[in-house]
């Protein structure tokens, strides 16, 4: 009897041991789940980082596009301002009915202003053709006119890119890159012909002289045109101002002036002249 009981207990113990041994362990599963969770979290972080980078890149592209548009708009505004300044020196409509024939406008002048109106309403392709036609009328050969027109556009694009990069880097944008380069490549004589053909200023027209200024003491007066400063040809106020900053302060320089069609030279101390100037209306291009 005792032996039977012992055998029963022994069998129960053996069965319990086998059951425990055969039961699957939860530890590897937990570890696997932990590893899987960590991998999922890492993938989620990577995806979030990539999404953030994509949004940042899109934002930078949008900002860059906006800067390009603003630079292009500023360049166009400056160009239109120069054209309006030039056109503002001339009437754009013919005389009203009943006026004397002697008061009629020059037909060439009327045609010139009418052409300006047509160019203002033209398509971009038509404006390019008008620009080439102006250069040809100004004395350039057709091939040379085509090259100048294309080169002007290339330099304008380079100036826009330089302004864009300067703004992104937090630097002051460069100025007059287009004009300086084109003037160097053409030379002063052809550059003056180019400006004349495009209806832009070729001298600094004095519109006023400040009291007790070097200009007043030297005899400069309203209506005089400054052609050169210290032997260097000047085409606009900015060039004149830059030249006054060179050399030794107070040294004497010769200023070439045109007064009522006559050329004269005036000696002035280097530095501010004490004048304000602007554009004189462009001459009418020669008719083809």
C-alpha atoms as a PDB file:
ATOM      1  CA  UNK A   1       0.000   0.000   0.000  1.00  0.00           C
ATOM      2  CA  UNK A   2       2.735   2.409   1.004  1.00  0.00           C
ATOM      3  CA  UNK A   3       4.667   1.517  -2.085  1.00  0.00           C
ATOM      4  CA  UNK A   4       1.623   2.286  -4.237  1.00  0.00           C
ATOM      5  CA  UNK A   5       1.142   5.701  -2.646  1.00  0.00           C
ATOM      6  CA  UNK A   6       4.789   6.547  -3.178  1.00  0.00           C
ATOM      7  CA  UNK A   7       4.585   5.499  -6.791  1.00  0.00           C
ATOM      8  CA  UNK A   8       1.529   7.722  -7.289  1.00  0.00           C
ATOM      9  CA  UNK A   9       3.278  10.744  -5.732  1.00  0.00           C
ATOM     10  CA  UNK A  10       6.381  10.043  -7.766  1.00  0.00           C
ATOM     11  CA  UNK A  11       4.333   9.929 -10.962  1.00  0.00           C
ATOM     12  CA  UNK A  12       2.575  13.198 -10.083  1.00  0.00           C
ATOM     13  CA  UNK A  13       5.923  14.862  -9.361  1.00  0.00           C
ATOM     14  CA  UNK A  14       7.404  13.627 -12.607  1.00  0.00           C
ATOM     15  CA  UNK A  15       4.382  14.841 -14.592  1.00  0.00           C
ATOM     16  CA  UNK A  16       4.530  18.250 -12.928  1.00  0.00           C
ATOM     17  CA  UNK A  17       8.232  18.541 -13.712  1.00  0.00           C
ATOM     18  CA  UNK A  18       7.647  17.585 -17.348  1.00  0.00           C
ATOM     19  CA  UNK A  19       4.773  20.090 -17.629  1.00  0.00           C
ATOM     20  CA  UNK A  20       6.928  22.892 -16.237  1.00  0.00           C
ATOM     21  CA  UNK A  21       9.789  21.954 -18.516  1.00  0.00           C
ATOM     22  CA  UNK A  22       7.553  21.854 -21.620  1.00  0.00           C
ATOM     23  CA  UNK A  23       5.816  25.228 -20.846  1.00  0.00           C
ATOM     24  CA  UNK A  24       7.097  27.944 -23.317  1.00  0.00           C
ATOM     25  CA  UNK A  25       9.112  30.732 -21.721  1.00  0.00           C
ATOM     26  CA  UNK A  26       7.705  34.313 -21.852  1.00  0.00           C
ATOM     27  CA  UNK A  27      11.102  35.965 -21.499  1.00  0.00           C
ATOM     28  CA  UNK A  28      12.267  35.641 -25.161  1.00  0.00           C
ATOM     29  CA  UNK A  29       8.854  36.837 -26.337  1.00  0.00           C
ATOM     30  CA  UNK A  30       9.086  39.883 -24.087  1.00  0.00           C
ATOM     31  CA  UNK A  31      12.587  40.564 -25.310  1.00  0.00           C
ATOM     32  CA  UNK A  32      11.459  40.212 -28.923  1.00  0.00           C
ATOM     33  CA  UNK A  33       8.561  42.571 -28.321  1.00  0.00           C
ATOM     34  CA  UNK A  34      10.896  45.074 -26.691  1.00  0.00           C
ATOM     35  CA  UNK A  35      13.314  44.901 -29.632  1.00  0.00           C
ATOM     36  CA  UNK A  36      10.431  45.245 -32.100  1.00  0.00           C
ATOM     37  CA  UNK A  37       9.081  48.245 -30.199  1.00  0.00           C
ATOM     38  CA  UNK A  38      12.486  49.913 -30.178  1.00  0.00           C
ATOM     39  CA  UNK A  39      12.875  49.320 -33.921  1.00  0.00           C
ATOM     40  CA  UNK A  40       9.415  50.777 -34.581  1.00  0.00           C
ATOM     41  CA  UNK A  41      10.252  53.813 -32.462  1.00  0.00           C
ATOM     42  CA  UNK A  42      13.540  54.280 -34.302  1.00  0.00           C
ATOM     43  CA  UNK A  43      11.791  54.025 -37.682  1.00  0.00           C
ATOM     44  CA  UNK A  44       9.208  56.543 -36.487  1.00  0.00           C
ATOM     45  CA  UNK A  45      11.953  58.954 -35.402  1.00  0.00           C
ATOM     46  CA  UNK A  46      13.746  58.523 -38.732  1.00  0.00           C
ATOM     47  CA  UNK A  47      10.524  59.160 -40.654  1.00  0.00           C
ATOM     48  CA  UNK A  48       9.774  62.218 -38.530  1.00  0.00           C
ATOM     49  CA  UNK A  49      13.287  63.546 -39.122  1.00  0.00           C
ATOM     50  CA  UNK A  50      12.971  62.996 -42.872  1.00  0.00           C
ATOM     51  CA  UNK A  51       9.594  64.733 -42.896  1.00  0.00           C
ATOM     52  CA  UNK A  52      11.064  67.671 -40.992  1.00  0.00           C
ATOM     53  CA  UNK A  53      13.978  67.886 -43.428  1.00  0.00           C
ATOM     54  CA  UNK A  54      11.564  67.791 -46.370  1.00  0.00           C
ATOM     55  CA  UNK A  55       9.459  70.580 -44.858  1.00  0.00           C
ATOM     56  CA  UNK A  56      12.590  72.632 -44.144  1.00  0.00           C
ATOM     57  CA  UNK A  57      13.843  72.139 -47.708  1.00  0.00           C
ATOM     58  CA  UNK A  58      10.448  73.141 -49.095  1.00  0.00           C
ATOM     59  CA  UNK A  59      10.454  76.237 -46.883  1.00  0.00           C
ATOM     60  CA  UNK A  60      13.962  77.197 -48.037  1.00  0.00           C
ATOM     61  CA  UNK A  61      12.915  76.734 -51.676  1.00  0.00           C
ATOM     62  CA  UNK A  62       9.868  78.927 -51.095  1.00  0.00           C
ATOM     63  CA  UNK A  63      11.992  81.636 -49.455  1.00  0.00           C
ATOM     64  CA  UNK A  64      14.547  81.439 -52.264  1.00  0.00           C
ATOM     65  CA  UNK A  65      11.800  81.764 -54.861  1.00  0.00           C
ATOM     66  CA  UNK A  66      10.366  84.786 -53.044  1.00  0.00           C
ATOM     67  CA  UNK A  67      13.809  86.416 -52.874  1.00  0.00           C
ATOM     68  CA  UNK A  68      14.285  85.817 -56.608  1.00  0.00           C
ATOM     69  CA  UNK A  69      10.912  87.388 -57.332  1.00  0.00           C
ATOM     70  CA  UNK A  70      11.691  90.407 -55.171  1.00  0.00           C
ATOM     71  CA  UNK A  71      15.114  90.890 -56.764  1.00  0.00           C
ATOM     72  CA  UNK A  72      13.570  90.637 -60.228  1.00  0.00           C
ATOM     73  CA  UNK A  73      10.848  93.108 -59.219  1.00  0.00           C
ATOM     74  CA  UNK A  74      13.412  95.571 -57.839  1.00  0.00           C
ATOM     75  CA  UNK A  75      15.436  95.334 -61.046  1.00  0.00           C
ATOM     76  CA  UNK A  76      12.319  95.926 -63.157  1.00  0.00           C
ATOM     77  CA  UNK A  77      11.240  98.874 -60.978  1.00  0.00           C
ATOM     78  CA  UNK A  78      14.683 100.465 -61.362  1.00  0.00           C
ATOM     79  CA  UNK A  79      14.552  99.965 -65.129  1.00  0.00           C
ATOM     80  CA  UNK A  80      11.064 101.447 -65.407  1.00  0.00           C
ATOM     81  CA  UNK A  81      12.040 104.367 -63.164  1.00  0.00           C
ATOM     82  CA  UNK A  82      14.890 105.240 -65.515  1.00  0.00           C
ATOM     83  CA  UNK A  83      12.587 105.018 -68.514  1.00  0.00           C
ATOM     84  CA  UNK A  84       9.919 107.161 -66.839  1.00  0.00           C
ATOM     85  CA  UNK A  85      12.568 109.704 -65.826  1.00  0.00           C
ATOM     86  CA  UNK A  86      13.660 109.939 -69.442  1.00  0.00           C
ATOM     87  CA  UNK A  87      10.155 110.042 -70.891  1.00  0.00           C
ATOM     88  CA  UNK A  88       9.111 112.603 -68.278  1.00  0.00           C
ATOM     89  CA  UNK A  89      11.248 115.205 -70.015  1.00  0.00           C
ATOM     90  CA  UNK A  90       9.120 115.057 -73.151  1.00  0.00           C
ATOM     91  CA  UNK A  91       5.387 115.586 -73.865  1.00  0.00           C
ATOM     92  CA  UNK A  92       3.657 112.490 -75.194  1.00  0.00           C
ATOM     93  CA  UNK A  93       0.599 113.941 -76.951  1.00  0.00           C
ATOM     94  CA  UNK A  94       0.281 116.141 -80.000  1.00  0.00           C
ATOM     95  CA  UNK A  95      -1.330 119.600 -79.930  1.00  0.00           C
ATOM     96  CA  UNK A  96      -5.054 120.025 -79.497  1.00  0.00           C
ATOM     97  CA  UNK A  97      -7.197 121.189 -82.363  1.00  0.00           C
ATOM     98  CA  UNK A  98      -7.148 124.891 -83.108  1.00  0.00           C
ATOM     99  CA  UNK A  99      -3.493 125.444 -82.169  1.00  0.00           C
ATOM    100  CA  UNK A 100      -1.229 127.294 -84.531  1.00  0.00           C
ATOM    101  CA  UNK A 101       0.762 125.198 -86.947  1.00  0.00           C
ATOM    102  CA  UNK A 102       3.901 126.835 -85.602  1.00  0.00           C
ATOM    103  CA  UNK A 103       3.240 125.325 -82.173  1.00  0.00           C
ATOM    104  CA  UNK A 104       2.939 121.784 -83.462  1.00  0.00           C
ATOM    105  CA  UNK A 105       5.278 119.181 -82.024  1.00  0.00           C
ATOM    106  CA  UNK A 106       8.099 117.759 -84.083  1.00  0.00           C
ATOM    107  CA  UNK A 107       6.691 114.664 -85.865  1.00  0.00           C
ATOM    108  CA  UNK A 108       9.866 112.753 -85.007  1.00  0.00           C
ATOM    109  CA  UNK A 109       9.290 113.584 -81.330  1.00  0.00           C
ATOM    110  CA  UNK A 110       5.668 112.397 -81.492  1.00  0.00           C
ATOM    111  CA  UNK A 111       6.742 109.179 -83.233  1.00  0.00           C
ATOM    112  CA  UNK A 112       9.434 108.634 -80.598  1.00  0.00           C
ATOM    113  CA  UNK A 113       6.947 108.923 -77.736  1.00  0.00           C
ATOM    114  CA  UNK A 114       4.380 106.778 -79.553  1.00  0.00           C
ATOM    115  CA  UNK A 115       7.022 104.095 -79.898  1.00  0.00           C
ATOM    116  CA  UNK A 116       7.675 104.327 -76.165  1.00  0.00           C
ATOM    117  CA  UNK A 117       3.989 103.698 -75.528  1.00  0.00           C
ATOM    118  CA  UNK A 118       4.014 100.689 -77.856  1.00  0.00           C
ATOM    119  CA  UNK A 119       7.046  99.247 -76.096  1.00  0.00           C
ATOM    120  CA  UNK A 120       5.412  99.671 -72.690  1.00  0.00           C
ATOM    121  CA  UNK A 121       2.448  97.555 -73.853  1.00  0.00           C
ATOM    122  CA  UNK A 122       4.501  94.981 -75.769  1.00  0.00           C
ATOM    123  CA  UNK A 123       5.072  91.324 -74.918  1.00  0.00           C
ATOM    124  CA  UNK A 124       8.522  90.277 -73.580  1.00  0.00           C
ATOM    125  CA  UNK A 125       9.471  88.940 -77.028  1.00  0.00           C
ATOM    126  CA  UNK A 126       8.403  92.191 -78.675  1.00  0.00           C
ATOM    127  CA  UNK A 127      10.396  94.205 -76.121  1.00  0.00           C
ATOM    128  CA  UNK A 128      13.533  92.275 -77.062  1.00  0.00           C
ATOM    129  CA  UNK A 129      12.909  93.088 -80.714  1.00  0.00           C
ATOM    130  CA  UNK A 130      12.319  96.746 -79.879  1.00  0.00           C
ATOM    131  CA  UNK A 131      15.598  96.834 -77.904  1.00  0.00           C
ATOM    132  CA  UNK A 132      17.554  95.424 -80.835  1.00  0.00           C
ATOM    133  CA  UNK A 133      15.863  97.874 -83.222  1.00  0.00           C
ATOM    134  CA  UNK A 134      16.816 100.769 -80.929  1.00  0.00           C
ATOM    135  CA  UNK A 135      20.455  99.680 -80.941  1.00  0.00           C
ATOM    136  CA  UNK A 136      20.477  99.345 -84.718  1.00  0.00           C
ATOM    137  CA  UNK A 137      18.903 102.813 -85.027  1.00  0.00           C
ATOM    138  CA  UNK A 138      21.620 104.049 -82.667  1.00  0.00           C
ATOM    139  CA  UNK A 139      24.335 103.009 -85.127  1.00  0.00           C
ATOM    140  CA  UNK A 140      25.193  99.429 -84.145  1.00  0.00           C
ATOM    141  CA  UNK A 141      25.285  96.653 -86.735  1.00  0.00           C
ATOM    142  CA  UNK A 142      22.504  94.039 -86.447  1.00  0.00           C
ATOM    143  CA  UNK A 143      24.905  91.365 -85.152  1.00  0.00           C
ATOM    144  CA  UNK A 144      26.430  93.762 -82.640  1.00  0.00           C
ATOM    145  CA  UNK A 145      22.971  94.901 -81.529  1.00  0.00           C
ATOM    146  CA  UNK A 146      21.864  91.293 -80.986  1.00  0.00           C
ATOM    147  CA  UNK A 147      25.010  90.581 -78.967  1.00  0.00           C
ATOM    148  CA  UNK A 148      24.601  93.686 -76.785  1.00  0.00           C
ATOM    149  CA  UNK A 149      20.956  92.858 -76.090  1.00  0.00           C
ATOM    150  CA  UNK A 150      21.782  89.268 -75.104  1.00  0.00           C
ATOM    151  CA  UNK A 151      24.817  90.346 -73.065  1.00  0.00           C
ATOM    152  CA  UNK A 152      22.672  92.856 -71.185  1.00  0.00           C
ATOM    153  CA  UNK A 153      20.260  90.093 -70.212  1.00  0.00           C
ATOM    154  CA  UNK A 154      23.120  87.817 -69.092  1.00  0.00           C
ATOM    155  CA  UNK A 155      24.619  90.550 -66.918  1.00  0.00           C
ATOM    156  CA  UNK A 156      21.189  91.333 -65.455  1.00  0.00           C
ATOM    157  CA  UNK A 157      20.793  87.665 -64.477  1.00  0.00           C
ATOM    158  CA  UNK A 158      24.271  87.658 -62.922  1.00  0.00           C
ATOM    159  CA  UNK A 159      23.414  90.799 -60.954  1.00  0.00           C
ATOM    160  CA  UNK A 160      20.181  89.225 -59.704  1.00  0.00           C
ATOM    161  CA  UNK A 161      22.067  86.076 -58.633  1.00  0.00           C
ATOM    162  CA  UNK A 162      24.719  88.157 -56.855  1.00  0.00           C
ATOM    163  CA  UNK A 163      22.021  90.123 -55.000  1.00  0.00           C
ATOM    164  CA  UNK A 164      20.236  86.900 -54.071  1.00  0.00           C
ATOM    165  CA  UNK A 165      23.401  85.302 -52.654  1.00  0.00           C
ATOM    166  CA  UNK A 166      24.343  88.474 -50.778  1.00  0.00           C
ATOM    167  CA  UNK A 167      20.908  88.680 -49.146  1.00  0.00           C
ATOM    168  CA  UNK A 168      21.013  85.018 -48.115  1.00  0.00           C
ATOM    169  CA  UNK A 169      24.485  85.491 -46.619  1.00  0.00           C
ATOM    170  CA  UNK A 170      23.459  88.653 -44.790  1.00  0.00           C
ATOM    171  CA  UNK A 171      25.768  90.869 -46.862  1.00  0.00           C
ATOM    172  CA  UNK A 172      25.046  94.164 -48.550  1.00  0.00           C
ATOM    173  CA  UNK A 173      23.998  93.434 -52.151  1.00  0.00           C
ATOM    174  CA  UNK A 174      26.382  94.676 -54.868  1.00  0.00           C
ATOM    175  CA  UNK A 175      25.285  97.618 -56.985  1.00  0.00           C
ATOM    176  CA  UNK A 176      25.681  98.494 -60.658  1.00  0.00           C
ATOM    177  CA  UNK A 177      27.270  95.152 -61.610  1.00  0.00           C
ATOM    178  CA  UNK A 178      25.461  95.175 -64.948  1.00  0.00           C
ATOM    179  CA  UNK A 179      26.388  98.743 -65.918  1.00  0.00           C
ATOM    180  CA  UNK A 180      30.026  98.503 -64.784  1.00  0.00           C
ATOM    181  CA  UNK A 181      30.697  95.263 -66.655  1.00  0.00           C
ATOM    182  CA  UNK A 182      28.937  96.333 -69.841  1.00  0.00           C
ATOM    183  CA  UNK A 183      30.758  99.658 -69.863  1.00  0.00           C
ATOM    184  CA  UNK A 184      34.110  97.876 -69.498  1.00  0.00           C
ATOM    185  CA  UNK A 185      33.304  95.455 -72.322  1.00  0.00           C
ATOM    186  CA  UNK A 186      31.965  98.096 -74.736  1.00  0.00           C
ATOM    187  CA  UNK A 187      34.300 100.980 -73.942  1.00  0.00           C
ATOM    188  CA  UNK A 188      33.119 104.497 -73.133  1.00  0.00           C
ATOM    189  CA  UNK A 189      32.292 105.492 -76.721  1.00  0.00           C
ATOM    190  CA  UNK A 190      30.085 102.496 -77.535  1.00  0.00           C
ATOM    191  CA  UNK A 191      28.634 102.522 -74.029  1.00  0.00           C
ATOM    192  CA  UNK A 192      27.507 106.111 -74.547  1.00  0.00           C
ATOM    193  CA  UNK A 193      25.923 105.123 -77.851  1.00  0.00           C
ATOM    194  CA  UNK A 194      24.200 102.246 -76.071  1.00  0.00           C
ATOM    195  CA  UNK A 195      22.795 104.544 -73.371  1.00  0.00           C
ATOM    196  CA  UNK A 196      21.607 107.052 -75.961  1.00  0.00           C
ATOM    197  CA  UNK A 197      19.902 104.344 -78.029  1.00  0.00           C
ATOM    198  CA  UNK A 198      18.159 102.986 -74.926  1.00  0.00           C
ATOM    199  CA  UNK A 199      16.972 106.441 -73.860  1.00  0.00           C
ATOM    200  CA  UNK A 200      19.148 106.652 -70.741  1.00  0.00           C
ATOM    201  CA  UNK A 201      21.258 109.483 -69.363  1.00  0.00           C
ATOM    202  CA  UNK A 202      24.766 110.135 -70.660  1.00  0.00           C
ATOM    203  CA  UNK A 203      25.608 113.134 -68.443  1.00  0.00           C
ATOM    204  CA  UNK A 204      24.754 114.477 -64.997  1.00  0.00           C
ATOM    205  CA  UNK A 205      22.317 117.336 -65.430  1.00  0.00           C
ATOM    206  CA  UNK A 206      22.649 119.863 -62.589  1.00  0.00           C
ATOM    207  CA  UNK A 207      19.206 120.760 -61.307  1.00  0.00           C
ATOM    208  CA  UNK A 208      20.291 122.834 -58.345  1.00  0.00           C
ATOM    209  CA  UNK A 209      23.364 124.293 -56.621  1.00  0.00           C
ATOM    210  CA  UNK A 210      23.640 124.632 -52.835  1.00  0.00           C
ATOM    211  CA  UNK A 211      24.529 127.996 -51.333  1.00  0.00           C
ATOM    212  CA  UNK A 212      28.157 128.432 -50.175  1.00  0.00           C
ATOM    213  CA  UNK A 213      29.102 125.135 -51.858  1.00  0.00           C
ATOM    214  CA  UNK A 214      32.266 124.495 -53.924  1.00  0.00           C
ATOM    215  CA  UNK A 215      30.030 124.282 -57.003  1.00  0.00           C
ATOM    216  CA  UNK A 216      28.603 127.745 -56.364  1.00  0.00           C
ATOM    217  CA  UNK A 217      32.055 129.209 -55.729  1.00  0.00           C
ATOM    218  CA  UNK A 218      33.326 127.681 -58.990  1.00  0.00           C
ATOM    219  CA  UNK A 219      30.403 129.081 -60.979  1.00  0.00           C
ATOM    220  CA  UNK A 220      28.406 125.916 -61.710  1.00  0.00           C
ATOM    221  CA  UNK A 221      24.733 126.595 -62.226  1.00  0.00           C
ATOM    222  CA  UNK A 222      21.427 124.926 -62.938  1.00  0.00           C
ATOM    223  CA  UNK A 223      21.259 123.422 -66.413  1.00  0.00           C
ATOM    224  CA  UNK A 224      24.983 122.645 -66.646  1.00  0.00           C
ATOM    225  CA  UNK A 225      25.855 119.073 -67.615  1.00  0.00           C
ATOM    226  CA  UNK A 226      28.805 117.335 -65.957  1.00  0.00           C
ATOM    227  CA  UNK A 227      30.517 115.190 -68.597  1.00  0.00           C
ATOM    228  CA  UNK A 228      33.731 114.099 -66.845  1.00  0.00           C
ATOM    229  CA  UNK A 229      35.330 114.352 -63.414  1.00  0.00           C
ATOM    230  CA  UNK A 230      39.112 114.312 -62.972  1.00  0.00           C
ATOM    231  CA  UNK A 231      39.485 113.055 -66.545  1.00  0.00           C
ATOM    232  CA  UNK A 232      37.013 110.172 -66.121  1.00  0.00           C
ATOM    233  CA  UNK A 233      33.778 110.076 -68.123  1.00  0.00           C
ATOM    234  CA  UNK A 234      30.632 110.080 -65.985  1.00  0.00           C
ATOM    235  CA  UNK A 235      27.197 108.979 -67.121  1.00  0.00           C
ATOM    236  CA  UNK A 236      25.135 109.275 -63.942  1.00  0.00           C
ATOM    237  CA  UNK A 237      25.072 110.735 -60.429  1.00  0.00           C
ATOM    238  CA  UNK A 238      26.242 107.530 -58.759  1.00  0.00           C
ATOM    239  CA  UNK A 239      29.440 107.438 -60.826  1.00  0.00           C
ATOM    240  CA  UNK A 240      30.084 111.099 -60.036  1.00  0.00           C
ATOM    241  CA  UNK A 241      29.638 110.561 -56.301  1.00  0.00           C
ATOM    242  CA  UNK A 242      32.002 107.575 -56.325  1.00  0.00           C
ATOM    243  CA  UNK A 243      34.693 109.589 -58.132  1.00  0.00           C
ATOM    244  CA  UNK A 244      34.505 112.405 -55.572  1.00  0.00           C
ATOM    245  CA  UNK A 245      35.499 109.866 -52.887  1.00  0.00           C
ATOM    246  CA  UNK A 246      38.778 108.919 -54.586  1.00  0.00           C
ATOM    247  CA  UNK A 247      42.158 110.584 -54.304  1.00  0.00           C
ATOM    248  CA  UNK A 248      43.248 112.963 -51.558  1.00  0.00           C
ATOM    249  CA  UNK A 249      40.579 115.057 -49.894  1.00  0.00           C
ATOM    250  CA  UNK A 250      40.663 118.685 -50.979  1.00  0.00           C
ATOM    251  CA  UNK A 251      43.009 118.209 -53.952  1.00  0.00           C
ATOM    252  CA  UNK A 252      42.132 120.144 -57.098  1.00  0.00           C
ATOM    253  CA  UNK A 253      40.373 118.265 -59.882  1.00  0.00           C
ATOM    254  CA  UNK A 254      39.166 119.342 -63.303  1.00  0.00           C
ATOM    255  CA  UNK A 255      35.476 118.918 -64.068  1.00  0.00           C
ATOM    256  CA  UNK A 256      34.386 118.886 -67.720  1.00  0.00           C
ATOM    257  CA  UNK A 257      31.078 120.699 -68.134  1.00  0.00           C
ATOM    258  CA  UNK A 258      28.725 121.319 -71.042  1.00  0.00           C
ATOM    259  CA  UNK A 259      26.792 124.604 -70.883  1.00  0.00           C
ATOM    260  CA  UNK A 260      24.340 125.549 -73.615  1.00  0.00           C
ATOM    261  CA  UNK A 261      26.128 123.197 -75.994  1.00  0.00           C
ATOM    262  CA  UNK A 262      29.559 124.683 -75.207  1.00  0.00           C
ATOM    263  CA  UNK A 263      32.325 122.716 -73.449  1.00  0.00           C
ATOM    264  CA  UNK A 264      34.269 124.236 -70.566  1.00  0.00           C
ATOM    265  CA  UNK A 265      36.446 123.076 -67.689  1.00  0.00           C
ATOM    266  CA  UNK A 266      36.060 124.079 -64.062  1.00  0.00           C
ATOM    267  CA  UNK A 267      38.541 123.402 -61.253  1.00  0.00           C
ATOM    268  CA  UNK A 268      37.040 122.191 -57.960  1.00  0.00           C
ATOM    269  CA  UNK A 269      38.390 120.701 -54.728  1.00  0.00           C
ATOM    270  CA  UNK A 270      37.824 116.937 -54.521  1.00  0.00           C
ATOM    271  CA  UNK A 271      34.851 116.099 -52.348  1.00  0.00           C
ATOM    272  CA  UNK A 272      31.130 116.914 -52.319  1.00  0.00           C
ATOM    273  CA  UNK A 273      30.264 119.387 -55.056  1.00  0.00           C
ATOM    274  CA  UNK A 274      27.122 120.736 -53.469  1.00  0.00           C
ATOM    275  CA  UNK A 275      24.787 120.011 -56.391  1.00  0.00           C
ATOM    276  CA  UNK A 276      21.885 117.746 -56.996  1.00  0.00           C
ATOM    277  CA  UNK A 277      21.453 116.295 -60.419  1.00  0.00           C
ATOM    278  CA  UNK A 278      19.339 114.037 -62.540  1.00  0.00           C
ATOM    279  CA  UNK A 279      18.732 112.855 -66.054  1.00  0.00           C
ATOM    280  CA  UNK A 280      18.408 114.987 -69.112  1.00  0.00           C
ATOM    281  CA  UNK A 281      15.866 113.664 -71.586  1.00  0.00           C
ATOM    282  CA  UNK A 282      17.480 111.406 -74.189  1.00  0.00           C
ATOM    283  CA  UNK A 283      17.930 112.575 -77.765  1.00  0.00           C
ATOM    284  CA  UNK A 284      15.628 111.087 -80.375  1.00  0.00           C
ATOM    285  CA  UNK A 285      17.316 108.051 -81.972  1.00  0.00           C
ATOM    286  CA  UNK A 286      18.112 108.348 -85.642  1.00  0.00           C
ATOM    287  CA  UNK A 287      15.354 107.075 -87.904  1.00  0.00           C
ATOM    288  CA  UNK A 288      16.101 103.948 -89.917  1.00  0.00           C
END
